[in-house]
């Protein structure tokens, strides 16, 4: 079964392809089909993910999967949230993972409350007008470290310290991170939903 991934983020694509492989699902990045990125005008992960999934399904004629994820920092009232990818641009830096981490550490340098959560919302639709989208959410709580540690992963992984492991996400082996990350938890929930709602109905 071919599903369009409504993202051109290579990190997300690699992670999700690995996670969805057990179901025999082939994820195709929307960029490979010449589909441009959808607008994300909303303030919640689920609304933006649904908009991206419907856009990819409209343009491709295939089922689509979209992920909207971000960092929610307690001291910032849950922000940057849906604006996580563009966080650095608020402070005069160019968009990019390294600059996002730099800007975050600068803004938090004098803060003692370093609690934060990584949140991932996955939305899947069978068609652009699917009235029953599948929605799965994964969330991992932790703390923002004082400096980047580790070389695995992407985004804020080097500063997202997970007390359960005593390490940042970027220090964890890929297989361990994939199971325990916000996206990994959302993907496991989505896989279960797809088995129950999609694959069983069409006899796969």
C-alpha atoms as a PDB file:
ATOM      1  CA  UNK A   1       0.000   0.000   0.000  1.00  0.00           C
ATOM      2  CA  UNK A   2       1.465   3.352  -1.059  1.00  0.00           C
ATOM      3  CA  UNK A   3       0.987   6.363   1.197  1.00  0.00           C
ATOM      4  CA  UNK A   4       2.202   9.888   0.551  1.00  0.00           C
ATOM      5  CA  UNK A   5       4.092  11.466   3.435  1.00  0.00           C
ATOM      6  CA  UNK A   6       3.127  15.122   3.550  1.00  0.00           C
ATOM      7  CA  UNK A   7       6.627  16.288   4.398  1.00  0.00           C
ATOM      8  CA  UNK A   8       9.966  16.903   2.746  1.00  0.00           C
ATOM      9  CA  UNK A   9      11.860  16.564   6.033  1.00  0.00           C
ATOM     10  CA  UNK A  10      14.374  13.774   5.412  1.00  0.00           C
ATOM     11  CA  UNK A  11      14.743  13.059   9.127  1.00  0.00           C
ATOM     12  CA  UNK A  12      11.016  12.469   9.511  1.00  0.00           C
ATOM     13  CA  UNK A  13      10.910  10.406   6.312  1.00  0.00           C
ATOM     14  CA  UNK A  14      13.723   8.106   7.431  1.00  0.00           C
ATOM     15  CA  UNK A  15      12.208   7.579  10.890  1.00  0.00           C
ATOM     16  CA  UNK A  16       8.684   6.940   9.653  1.00  0.00           C
ATOM     17  CA  UNK A  17       9.744   4.629   6.824  1.00  0.00           C
ATOM     18  CA  UNK A  18      11.490   2.428   9.366  1.00  0.00           C
ATOM     19  CA  UNK A  19       8.519   2.486  11.720  1.00  0.00           C
ATOM     20  CA  UNK A  20       5.904   1.687   9.073  1.00  0.00           C
ATOM     21  CA  UNK A  21       7.914  -1.015   7.286  1.00  0.00           C
ATOM     22  CA  UNK A  22       6.403  -3.888   9.387  1.00  0.00           C
ATOM     23  CA  UNK A  23       2.983  -3.219   7.842  1.00  0.00           C
ATOM     24  CA  UNK A  24       4.340  -3.356   4.331  1.00  0.00           C
ATOM     25  CA  UNK A  25       3.443   0.290   3.770  1.00  0.00           C
ATOM     26  CA  UNK A  26       5.502   2.258   1.277  1.00  0.00           C
ATOM     27  CA  UNK A  27       5.921   5.885   2.297  1.00  0.00           C
ATOM     28  CA  UNK A  28       6.590   8.276  -0.567  1.00  0.00           C
ATOM     29  CA  UNK A  29       7.752  11.799   0.192  1.00  0.00           C
ATOM     30  CA  UNK A  30       5.455  14.355  -1.403  1.00  0.00           C
ATOM     31  CA  UNK A  31       8.456  16.054  -2.988  1.00  0.00           C
ATOM     32  CA  UNK A  32       9.124  12.909  -5.026  1.00  0.00           C
ATOM     33  CA  UNK A  33       5.717  13.464  -6.627  1.00  0.00           C
ATOM     34  CA  UNK A  34       6.274  17.170  -7.199  1.00  0.00           C
ATOM     35  CA  UNK A  35       3.844  18.188  -4.462  1.00  0.00           C
ATOM     36  CA  UNK A  36       4.624  21.465  -2.739  1.00  0.00           C
ATOM     37  CA  UNK A  37       4.222  21.956   0.996  1.00  0.00           C
ATOM     38  CA  UNK A  38       0.801  22.961   2.283  1.00  0.00           C
ATOM     39  CA  UNK A  39       0.060  26.106   4.230  1.00  0.00           C
ATOM     40  CA  UNK A  40       0.053  25.632   8.010  1.00  0.00           C
ATOM     41  CA  UNK A  41      -2.025  28.546   9.323  1.00  0.00           C
ATOM     42  CA  UNK A  42      -3.328  26.920  12.475  1.00  0.00           C
ATOM     43  CA  UNK A  43      -2.234  27.062  16.114  1.00  0.00           C
ATOM     44  CA  UNK A  44      -2.567  23.365  16.963  1.00  0.00           C
ATOM     45  CA  UNK A  45      -0.629  20.336  15.781  1.00  0.00           C
ATOM     46  CA  UNK A  46      -3.732  18.368  14.809  1.00  0.00           C
ATOM     47  CA  UNK A  47      -5.196  21.112  12.605  1.00  0.00           C
ATOM     48  CA  UNK A  48      -1.949  21.635  10.733  1.00  0.00           C
ATOM     49  CA  UNK A  49      -1.352  17.906  10.291  1.00  0.00           C
ATOM     50  CA  UNK A  50      -4.856  17.428   8.914  1.00  0.00           C
ATOM     51  CA  UNK A  51      -4.398  20.323   6.476  1.00  0.00           C
ATOM     52  CA  UNK A  52      -1.126  18.815   5.245  1.00  0.00           C
ATOM     53  CA  UNK A  53      -2.596  15.325   4.873  1.00  0.00           C
ATOM     54  CA  UNK A  54      -5.618  16.543   2.903  1.00  0.00           C
ATOM     55  CA  UNK A  55      -3.395  18.655   0.637  1.00  0.00           C
ATOM     56  CA  UNK A  56      -1.093  15.712  -0.152  1.00  0.00           C
ATOM     57  CA  UNK A  57      -4.056  13.415  -0.799  1.00  0.00           C
ATOM     58  CA  UNK A  58      -5.673  15.986  -3.094  1.00  0.00           C
ATOM     59  CA  UNK A  59      -2.523  16.449  -5.152  1.00  0.00           C
ATOM     60  CA  UNK A  60      -1.569  12.755  -5.351  1.00  0.00           C
ATOM     61  CA  UNK A  61      -4.871  10.888  -5.378  1.00  0.00           C
ATOM     62  CA  UNK A  62      -3.349   8.542  -2.805  1.00  0.00           C
ATOM     63  CA  UNK A  63      -3.832   8.038   0.930  1.00  0.00           C
ATOM     64  CA  UNK A  64      -1.694  10.488   2.875  1.00  0.00           C
ATOM     65  CA  UNK A  65       0.055  10.703   6.209  1.00  0.00           C
ATOM     66  CA  UNK A  66       1.141  13.949   7.836  1.00  0.00           C
ATOM     67  CA  UNK A  67       3.110  14.717  10.955  1.00  0.00           C
ATOM     68  CA  UNK A  68       3.083  17.990  12.822  1.00  0.00           C
ATOM     69  CA  UNK A  69       5.467  18.055  15.718  1.00  0.00           C
ATOM     70  CA  UNK A  70       7.172  20.509  17.943  1.00  0.00           C
ATOM     71  CA  UNK A  71       8.726  21.500  21.203  1.00  0.00           C
ATOM     72  CA  UNK A  72       6.512  22.796  24.013  1.00  0.00           C
ATOM     73  CA  UNK A  73       8.476  24.592  26.712  1.00  0.00           C
ATOM     74  CA  UNK A  74       6.788  25.078  30.095  1.00  0.00           C
ATOM     75  CA  UNK A  75       8.476  28.397  30.805  1.00  0.00           C
ATOM     76  CA  UNK A  76       7.220  29.766  27.484  1.00  0.00           C
ATOM     77  CA  UNK A  77       3.606  28.737  28.035  1.00  0.00           C
ATOM     78  CA  UNK A  78       3.935  25.772  25.667  1.00  0.00           C
ATOM     79  CA  UNK A  79       5.659  27.648  22.870  1.00  0.00           C
ATOM     80  CA  UNK A  80       7.220  27.400  20.310  1.00  0.00           C
ATOM     81  CA  UNK A  81       4.724  24.604  19.564  1.00  0.00           C
ATOM     82  CA  UNK A  82       3.611  24.632  15.941  1.00  0.00           C
ATOM     83  CA  UNK A  83       6.245  27.289  15.128  1.00  0.00           C
ATOM     84  CA  UNK A  84       9.130  25.103  16.289  1.00  0.00           C
ATOM     85  CA  UNK A  85      10.733  24.757  12.837  1.00  0.00           C
ATOM     86  CA  UNK A  86      10.935  28.542  12.527  1.00  0.00           C
ATOM     87  CA  UNK A  87      11.946  29.272  16.116  1.00  0.00           C
ATOM     88  CA  UNK A  88      15.347  30.757  15.291  1.00  0.00           C
ATOM     89  CA  UNK A  89      13.905  33.256  12.807  1.00  0.00           C
ATOM     90  CA  UNK A  90      12.204  35.101  15.677  1.00  0.00           C
ATOM     91  CA  UNK A  91      15.639  36.087  16.944  1.00  0.00           C
ATOM     92  CA  UNK A  92      17.320  37.103  13.693  1.00  0.00           C
ATOM     93  CA  UNK A  93      18.812  33.733  12.773  1.00  0.00           C
ATOM     94  CA  UNK A  94      18.236  31.789   9.569  1.00  0.00           C
ATOM     95  CA  UNK A  95      15.915  28.799   9.729  1.00  0.00           C
ATOM     96  CA  UNK A  96      17.746  25.604  10.655  1.00  0.00           C
ATOM     97  CA  UNK A  97      18.177  22.989  13.370  1.00  0.00           C
ATOM     98  CA  UNK A  98      21.480  24.351  14.634  1.00  0.00           C
ATOM     99  CA  UNK A  99      20.182  27.889  14.882  1.00  0.00           C
ATOM    100  CA  UNK A 100      16.994  26.699  16.587  1.00  0.00           C
ATOM    101  CA  UNK A 101      19.044  25.022  19.303  1.00  0.00           C
ATOM    102  CA  UNK A 102      21.285  28.068  19.647  1.00  0.00           C
ATOM    103  CA  UNK A 103      18.331  30.444  19.971  1.00  0.00           C
ATOM    104  CA  UNK A 104      16.575  28.195  22.508  1.00  0.00           C
ATOM    105  CA  UNK A 105      19.624  27.932  24.758  1.00  0.00           C
ATOM    106  CA  UNK A 106      20.122  31.687  24.605  1.00  0.00           C
ATOM    107  CA  UNK A 107      16.507  32.348  25.583  1.00  0.00           C
ATOM    108  CA  UNK A 108      16.680  29.840  28.440  1.00  0.00           C
ATOM    109  CA  UNK A 109      20.134  30.641  29.789  1.00  0.00           C
ATOM    110  CA  UNK A 110      18.818  32.290  32.964  1.00  0.00           C
ATOM    111  CA  UNK A 111      15.808  30.015  33.500  1.00  0.00           C
ATOM    112  CA  UNK A 112      15.729  27.346  36.201  1.00  0.00           C
ATOM    113  CA  UNK A 113      12.473  25.790  34.945  1.00  0.00           C
ATOM    114  CA  UNK A 114      13.715  23.765  31.996  1.00  0.00           C
ATOM    115  CA  UNK A 115      10.778  21.362  31.683  1.00  0.00           C
ATOM    116  CA  UNK A 116       9.647  20.723  28.130  1.00  0.00           C
ATOM    117  CA  UNK A 117       7.848  18.161  26.006  1.00  0.00           C
ATOM    118  CA  UNK A 118       8.271  16.970  22.450  1.00  0.00           C
ATOM    119  CA  UNK A 119       4.885  16.375  20.830  1.00  0.00           C
ATOM    120  CA  UNK A 120       4.040  14.614  17.574  1.00  0.00           C
ATOM    121  CA  UNK A 121       0.607  14.408  15.992  1.00  0.00           C
ATOM    122  CA  UNK A 122       0.135  12.042  13.064  1.00  0.00           C
ATOM    123  CA  UNK A 123      -2.933  12.289  10.841  1.00  0.00           C
ATOM    124  CA  UNK A 124      -3.762   9.826   8.055  1.00  0.00           C
ATOM    125  CA  UNK A 125      -6.510  10.101   5.453  1.00  0.00           C
ATOM    126  CA  UNK A 126      -7.667   7.585   2.850  1.00  0.00           C
ATOM    127  CA  UNK A 127      -8.619  10.401   0.499  1.00  0.00           C
ATOM    128  CA  UNK A 128      -8.738  14.181   0.497  1.00  0.00           C
ATOM    129  CA  UNK A 129     -12.345  14.172   1.715  1.00  0.00           C
ATOM    130  CA  UNK A 130     -12.019  11.347   4.236  1.00  0.00           C
ATOM    131  CA  UNK A 131     -14.574  12.131   6.983  1.00  0.00           C
ATOM    132  CA  UNK A 132     -12.800   9.862   9.461  1.00  0.00           C
ATOM    133  CA  UNK A 133      -9.114  10.762   9.589  1.00  0.00           C
ATOM    134  CA  UNK A 134      -6.931   8.660  11.835  1.00  0.00           C
ATOM    135  CA  UNK A 135      -5.259  10.722  14.576  1.00  0.00           C
ATOM    136  CA  UNK A 136      -2.442   9.571  16.839  1.00  0.00           C
ATOM    137  CA  UNK A 137      -0.501  11.644  19.348  1.00  0.00           C
ATOM    138  CA  UNK A 138       2.847  10.937  21.002  1.00  0.00           C
ATOM    139  CA  UNK A 139       4.361  13.010  23.809  1.00  0.00           C
ATOM    140  CA  UNK A 140       7.623  12.775  25.731  1.00  0.00           C
ATOM    141  CA  UNK A 141       8.439  14.962  28.718  1.00  0.00           C
ATOM    142  CA  UNK A 142      11.950  15.962  29.667  1.00  0.00           C
ATOM    143  CA  UNK A 143      14.208  18.929  30.266  1.00  0.00           C
ATOM    144  CA  UNK A 144      16.240  21.256  28.088  1.00  0.00           C
ATOM    145  CA  UNK A 145      19.922  20.648  28.743  1.00  0.00           C
ATOM    146  CA  UNK A 146      22.407  23.483  29.178  1.00  0.00           C
ATOM    147  CA  UNK A 147      24.297  22.535  26.032  1.00  0.00           C
ATOM    148  CA  UNK A 148      23.907  20.163  23.053  1.00  0.00           C
ATOM    149  CA  UNK A 149      24.978  16.576  23.703  1.00  0.00           C
ATOM    150  CA  UNK A 150      25.008  13.695  21.201  1.00  0.00           C
ATOM    151  CA  UNK A 151      25.129  13.376  17.439  1.00  0.00           C
ATOM    152  CA  UNK A 152      22.126  11.210  16.547  1.00  0.00           C
ATOM    153  CA  UNK A 153      18.747  12.556  15.517  1.00  0.00           C
ATOM    154  CA  UNK A 154      17.833  16.045  14.367  1.00  0.00           C
ATOM    155  CA  UNK A 155      15.964  19.142  15.479  1.00  0.00           C
ATOM    156  CA  UNK A 156      16.122  19.679  19.244  1.00  0.00           C
ATOM    157  CA  UNK A 157      17.270  16.102  19.953  1.00  0.00           C
ATOM    158  CA  UNK A 158      20.721  17.240  21.225  1.00  0.00           C
ATOM    159  CA  UNK A 159      19.176  19.371  24.002  1.00  0.00           C
ATOM    160  CA  UNK A 160      16.129  17.264  24.862  1.00  0.00           C
ATOM    161  CA  UNK A 161      17.267  15.450  28.001  1.00  0.00           C
ATOM    162  CA  UNK A 162      15.136  12.428  28.948  1.00  0.00           C
ATOM    163  CA  UNK A 163      15.383  11.550  32.665  1.00  0.00           C
ATOM    164  CA  UNK A 164      14.219   7.985  31.984  1.00  0.00           C
ATOM    165  CA  UNK A 165      17.460   7.333  30.070  1.00  0.00           C
ATOM    166  CA  UNK A 166      19.729   9.917  31.672  1.00  0.00           C
ATOM    167  CA  UNK A 167      20.620  11.085  28.159  1.00  0.00           C
ATOM    168  CA  UNK A 168      19.437  13.404  25.424  1.00  0.00           C
ATOM    169  CA  UNK A 169      17.555  11.998  22.455  1.00  0.00           C
ATOM    170  CA  UNK A 170      20.680  12.601  20.350  1.00  0.00           C
ATOM    171  CA  UNK A 171      22.688  10.266  22.581  1.00  0.00           C
ATOM    172  CA  UNK A 172      20.307   7.323  22.249  1.00  0.00           C
ATOM    173  CA  UNK A 173      20.816   4.586  19.651  1.00  0.00           C
ATOM    174  CA  UNK A 174      18.455   5.131  16.725  1.00  0.00           C
ATOM    175  CA  UNK A 175      16.457   1.966  17.448  1.00  0.00           C
ATOM    176  CA  UNK A 176      15.900   3.003  21.071  1.00  0.00           C
ATOM    177  CA  UNK A 177      14.945   6.532  20.119  1.00  0.00           C
ATOM    178  CA  UNK A 178      12.497   5.381  17.442  1.00  0.00           C
ATOM    179  CA  UNK A 179      10.523   3.386  20.002  1.00  0.00           C
ATOM    180  CA  UNK A 180      10.593   5.969  22.790  1.00  0.00           C
ATOM    181  CA  UNK A 181      10.441   9.314  20.997  1.00  0.00           C
ATOM    182  CA  UNK A 182       7.313  11.424  20.608  1.00  0.00           C
ATOM    183  CA  UNK A 183       7.191  10.453  16.932  1.00  0.00           C
ATOM    184  CA  UNK A 184       7.861   6.819  17.754  1.00  0.00           C
ATOM    185  CA  UNK A 185       4.958   6.729  20.207  1.00  0.00           C
ATOM    186  CA  UNK A 186       2.647   8.452  17.741  1.00  0.00           C
ATOM    187  CA  UNK A 187       3.725   6.055  14.992  1.00  0.00           C
ATOM    188  CA  UNK A 188       3.031   2.979  17.145  1.00  0.00           C
ATOM    189  CA  UNK A 189      -0.451   4.297  17.904  1.00  0.00           C
ATOM    190  CA  UNK A 190      -1.023   5.093  14.226  1.00  0.00           C
ATOM    191  CA  UNK A 191       0.113   1.631  13.152  1.00  0.00           C
ATOM    192  CA  UNK A 192      -2.464   0.104  15.474  1.00  0.00           C
ATOM    193  CA  UNK A 193      -5.187   2.382  14.114  1.00  0.00           C
ATOM    194  CA  UNK A 194      -4.270   1.491  10.529  1.00  0.00           C
ATOM    195  CA  UNK A 195      -4.381  -2.224  11.316  1.00  0.00           C
ATOM    196  CA  UNK A 196      -7.817  -1.877  12.893  1.00  0.00           C
ATOM    197  CA  UNK A 197      -9.448   0.652  10.577  1.00  0.00           C
ATOM    198  CA  UNK A 198      -7.737   0.325   7.196  1.00  0.00           C
ATOM    199  CA  UNK A 199      -5.869  -2.896   6.628  1.00  0.00           C
ATOM    200  CA  UNK A 200      -8.381  -5.278   8.182  1.00  0.00           C
ATOM    201  CA  UNK A 201     -11.191  -3.716   6.149  1.00  0.00           C
ATOM    202  CA  UNK A 202      -9.415  -4.309   2.853  1.00  0.00           C
ATOM    203  CA  UNK A 203      -8.142  -7.737   3.820  1.00  0.00           C
ATOM    204  CA  UNK A 204      -4.437  -7.013   4.204  1.00  0.00           C
END
